[in-house]
Amino acid sequence: MFCKWCGAEVKNTDIYCPKCGRKLNNPSATDENNMSPVVRADKKTHRTGIIAAGVLILAAVIAAVFLLGGRSYRETVDQFFEATFTADVNAIVKLIPDAVIENAMEENGYDRDEMSEFLQEGAETLQEQINRLASYLGEDWEVSHDILGAEDITGEEFEEIKTAYDDMDAEVSSAKSVEVKMTVKSGETENSVQLNIPVIKVGRSWYLDIMNLEDIF
């Protein structure tokens, strides 16, 4: 079709002529300003409904993160094994409640400014253990683990754990013993051992129960 004012070719959906800018008398085009009040109200209601639905979805996501967020006990155990066999003491420290770390430093005569020294000593000790294991197994050794299950710690045993951490200002709400199968491969040789890794829940995250954790080497 063509503009009746300047003769320029226009589309069926154009409201205004792209050349002269004058309004076209085009029944195929839609101009919201020319809609009836009822139609405009329906469109406004539809948009408002979409916005409201978006707000509700966002609120639900935020609530889910708040209520269900935090590190799971499986993630804690996985990160512990990965950090242990890479001698990443900084990663291991993140799996221990801050209050417990501060208590340990205080008992060993460290303060916050000496944190790096505290971690360096731990990394050196851990690396020595890994080196001894490597010298025994050879260069091509590797280790893996599988979480077999977890048992809730309750009753008197849980109360003892809770009391011990209360003394270090760490409020424990739950405790578990996680059964793990650790497998070490070296060449054609493969050996497995089952371990119990104790974990505690402080706030919304699970941490290592460092007070009851046994050496995995």
Protein backbone atom coordinates (compact mmCIF):
# COMPACT_ATOMS: atom_id res chain seq x y z
CA MET A 1 0.00 0.00 0.00
CA PHE A 2 1.05 3.63 -0.39
CA CYS A 3 0.88 6.78 1.76
CA LYS A 4 -2.05 8.96 0.65
CA TRP A 5 -0.05 12.07 1.56
CA CYS A 6 3.32 11.57 -0.18
CA GLY A 7 2.84 8.37 -2.18
CA ALA A 8 5.65 6.47 -0.44
CA GLU A 9 5.29 2.70 -0.11
CA VAL A 10 4.37 1.66 3.43
CA LYS A 11 3.76 -1.62 5.25
CA ASN A 12 0.36 -2.88 6.30
CA THR A 13 1.45 -2.65 9.93
CA ASP A 14 2.73 0.96 9.76
CA ILE A 15 0.83 3.53 11.79
CA TYR A 16 2.86 6.50 10.49
CA CYS A 17 4.50 7.02 7.11
CA PRO A 18 8.28 6.36 7.41
CA LYS A 19 8.93 9.12 4.82
CA CYS A 20 6.65 12.06 5.63
CA GLY A 21 5.71 11.04 9.18
CA ARG A 22 2.00 11.67 8.76
CA LYS A 23 -0.52 9.29 10.31
CA LEU A 24 -1.93 6.65 8.00
CA ASN A 25 -5.53 5.57 7.87
CA ASN A 26 -4.52 1.90 8.15
CA PRO A 27 -7.06 -0.47 9.70
CA SER A 28 -4.44 -3.28 9.80
CA ALA A 29 -2.12 -1.30 12.12
CA THR A 30 -2.59 -1.11 15.89
CA ASP A 31 -2.14 2.11 17.82
CA GLU A 32 -2.53 1.73 21.55
CA ASN A 33 -3.61 5.35 21.81
CA ASN A 34 -6.59 4.59 19.55
CA MET A 35 -7.69 1.54 21.53
CA SER A 36 -10.89 1.57 23.45
CA PRO A 37 -10.58 2.11 27.20
CA VAL A 38 -11.63 -1.54 27.79
CA VAL A 39 -8.87 -2.91 25.55
CA ARG A 40 -6.24 -0.64 27.10
CA ALA A 41 -7.35 -1.72 30.58
CA ASP A 42 -7.08 -5.40 29.60
CA LYS A 43 -3.51 -4.90 28.32
CA LYS A 44 -2.52 -2.99 31.46
CA THR A 45 -3.99 -5.72 33.67
CA HIS A 46 -2.09 -8.36 31.68
CA ARG A 47 1.22 -6.51 32.11
CA THR A 48 0.58 -6.00 35.82
CA GLY A 49 -0.13 -9.71 36.17
CA ILE A 50 3.15 -10.61 34.47
CA ILE A 51 5.10 -8.26 36.76
CA ALA A 52 3.37 -9.63 39.86
CA ALA A 53 4.13 -13.21 38.81
CA GLY A 54 7.79 -12.26 38.29
CA VAL A 55 7.97 -10.72 41.75
CA LEU A 56 6.47 -13.85 43.33
CA ILE A 57 8.94 -16.11 41.51
CA LEU A 58 11.87 -13.96 42.64
CA ALA A 59 10.61 -14.01 46.22
CA ALA A 60 10.31 -17.80 46.10
CA VAL A 61 13.88 -18.15 44.82
CA ILE A 62 15.21 -15.87 47.58
CA ALA A 63 13.27 -17.81 50.21
CA ALA A 64 14.61 -21.13 48.89
CA VAL A 65 18.19 -19.86 49.03
CA PHE A 66 17.67 -18.56 52.57
CA LEU A 67 15.97 -21.68 53.90
CA LEU A 68 17.84 -24.35 51.95
CA GLY A 69 21.13 -22.56 51.32
CA GLY A 70 24.45 -23.44 52.88
CA ARG A 71 26.88 -26.29 52.31
CA SER A 72 25.49 -29.83 52.51
CA TYR A 73 27.26 -32.57 54.45
CA ARG A 74 28.10 -34.29 51.15
CA GLU A 75 29.76 -31.14 49.81
CA THR A 76 31.69 -30.81 53.07
CA VAL A 77 33.04 -34.37 52.83
CA ASP A 78 33.85 -34.04 49.12
CA GLN A 79 35.73 -30.77 49.68
CA PHE A 80 37.57 -32.28 52.64
CA PHE A 81 38.98 -35.18 50.60
CA GLU A 82 39.90 -32.96 47.67
CA ALA A 83 41.65 -30.43 49.92
CA THR A 84 43.43 -33.13 51.94
CA PHE A 85 45.11 -34.80 48.99
CA THR A 86 46.17 -31.48 47.46
CA ALA A 87 47.49 -30.19 50.81
CA ASP A 88 45.13 -27.20 50.53
CA VAL A 89 44.96 -26.17 54.17
CA ASN A 90 43.10 -22.95 53.34
CA ALA A 91 40.25 -25.01 51.87
CA ILE A 92 40.21 -27.28 54.93
CA VAL A 93 40.03 -24.28 57.26
CA LYS A 94 36.87 -23.14 55.47
CA LEU A 95 35.29 -26.46 56.52
CA ILE A 96 35.77 -25.63 60.20
CA PRO A 97 33.62 -23.08 62.07
CA ASP A 98 35.38 -19.73 62.51
CA ALA A 99 34.91 -19.83 66.27
CA VAL A 100 36.75 -23.16 66.45
CA ILE A 101 39.65 -21.85 64.35
CA GLU A 102 40.01 -18.81 66.60
CA ASN A 103 39.98 -21.04 69.68
CA ALA A 104 42.66 -23.33 68.21
CA MET A 105 44.90 -20.36 67.36
CA GLU A 106 44.48 -18.93 70.83
CA GLU A 107 45.37 -22.24 72.48
CA ASN A 108 48.52 -22.48 70.32
CA GLY A 109 49.56 -18.91 71.01
CA TYR A 110 48.57 -17.38 67.66
CA ASP A 111 46.50 -14.30 66.92
CA ARG A 112 44.69 -13.17 63.74
CA ASP A 113 47.80 -11.49 62.35
CA GLU A 114 49.68 -14.79 62.57
CA MET A 115 47.03 -16.79 60.71
CA SER A 116 49.26 -17.32 57.66
CA GLU A 117 51.98 -18.84 59.85
CA PHE A 118 49.43 -21.13 61.47
CA LEU A 119 48.21 -22.31 58.07
CA GLN A 120 51.73 -22.72 56.68
CA GLU A 121 52.66 -25.10 59.47
CA GLY A 122 49.53 -27.13 58.83
CA ALA A 123 50.21 -27.27 55.08
CA GLU A 124 53.77 -28.46 55.64
CA THR A 125 52.64 -31.23 57.98
CA LEU A 126 49.96 -32.38 55.53
CA GLN A 127 52.37 -32.32 52.59
CA GLU A 128 54.83 -34.48 54.53
CA GLN A 129 52.13 -37.12 54.99
CA ILE A 130 51.26 -37.03 51.28
CA ASN A 131 54.94 -37.34 50.34
CA ARG A 132 55.34 -40.39 52.56
CA LEU A 133 52.30 -41.98 50.93
CA ALA A 134 53.63 -41.17 47.45
CA SER A 135 57.05 -42.64 48.21
CA TYR A 136 55.38 -45.89 49.25
CA LEU A 137 52.87 -46.12 46.38
CA GLY A 138 54.96 -44.72 43.52
CA GLU A 139 54.37 -41.90 41.06
CA ASP A 140 51.18 -43.16 39.41
CA TRP A 141 49.04 -43.43 42.50
CA GLU A 142 45.59 -41.85 42.82
CA VAL A 143 42.87 -41.71 45.43
CA SER A 144 39.09 -41.52 45.14
CA HIS A 145 36.16 -41.71 47.53
CA ASP A 146 32.46 -42.61 47.56
CA ILE A 147 29.93 -41.52 50.16
CA LEU A 148 28.01 -44.64 51.17
CA GLY A 149 25.58 -43.06 53.62
CA ALA A 150 25.20 -40.98 56.76
CA GLU A 151 23.85 -41.66 60.23
CA ASP A 152 22.40 -38.98 62.50
CA ILE A 153 24.12 -38.64 65.86
CA THR A 154 21.53 -38.21 68.59
CA GLY A 155 20.97 -38.61 72.28
CA GLU A 156 23.78 -38.40 74.80
CA GLU A 157 26.49 -38.56 72.12
CA PHE A 158 25.05 -35.50 70.37
CA GLU A 159 24.72 -33.59 73.65
CA GLU A 160 28.42 -34.21 74.35
CA ILE A 161 29.34 -32.85 70.92
CA LYS A 162 27.07 -29.84 71.33
CA THR A 163 28.47 -29.02 74.78
CA ALA A 164 32.07 -29.25 73.56
CA TYR A 165 31.41 -26.78 70.75
CA ASP A 166 29.30 -24.50 72.95
CA ASP A 167 32.47 -23.88 74.93
CA MET A 168 34.00 -22.50 71.71
CA ASP A 169 30.97 -20.34 70.84
CA ALA A 170 29.91 -22.63 67.97
CA GLU A 171 26.22 -23.55 68.18
CA VAL A 172 25.76 -27.07 66.77
CA SER A 173 22.22 -27.97 65.70
CA SER A 174 22.88 -31.42 64.15
CA ALA A 175 25.63 -33.99 63.80
CA LYS A 176 26.21 -36.92 61.47
CA SER A 177 28.69 -39.72 60.92
CA VAL A 178 29.29 -40.04 57.18
CA GLU A 179 30.42 -43.44 55.92
CA VAL A 180 32.97 -43.10 53.14
CA LYS A 181 34.78 -45.67 51.02
CA MET A 182 38.27 -44.42 50.14
CA THR A 183 40.08 -46.21 47.33
CA VAL A 184 43.80 -45.92 46.59
CA LYS A 185 45.11 -47.15 43.23
CA SER A 186 48.75 -47.69 42.31
CA GLY A 187 49.44 -49.39 39.00
CA GLU A 188 47.50 -52.66 39.03
CA THR A 189 47.01 -52.54 42.79
CA GLU A 190 43.82 -51.21 44.36
CA ASN A 191 42.98 -51.04 48.05
CA SER A 192 39.87 -49.69 49.73
CA VAL A 193 39.07 -48.75 53.29
CA GLN A 194 35.87 -47.53 54.91
CA LEU A 195 36.05 -44.40 57.04
CA ASN A 196 33.59 -42.50 59.20
CA ILE A 197 33.84 -38.74 58.77
CA PRO A 198 32.07 -36.80 61.55
CA VAL A 199 30.33 -33.57 60.54
CA ILE A 200 28.34 -30.93 62.41
CA LYS A 201 25.81 -28.33 61.33
CA VAL A 202 26.36 -24.74 62.46
CA GLY A 203 23.93 -22.22 61.06
CA ARG A 204 22.87 -23.36 57.57
CA SER A 205 26.12 -25.14 56.66
CA TRP A 206 27.79 -28.42 57.53
CA TYR A 207 31.35 -28.44 58.83
CA LEU A 208 33.94 -31.01 59.82
CA ASP A 209 33.66 -32.18 63.41
CA ILE A 210 37.36 -31.52 63.81
CA MET A 211 37.31 -32.57 67.48
CA ASN A 212 36.30 -36.12 66.59
CA LEU A 213 37.94 -36.42 63.16
CA GLU A 214 40.47 -39.24 62.87
CA ASP A 215 43.57 -39.20 60.66
CA ILE A 216 42.69 -40.64 57.23
CA PHE A 217 46.31 -41.51 56.36
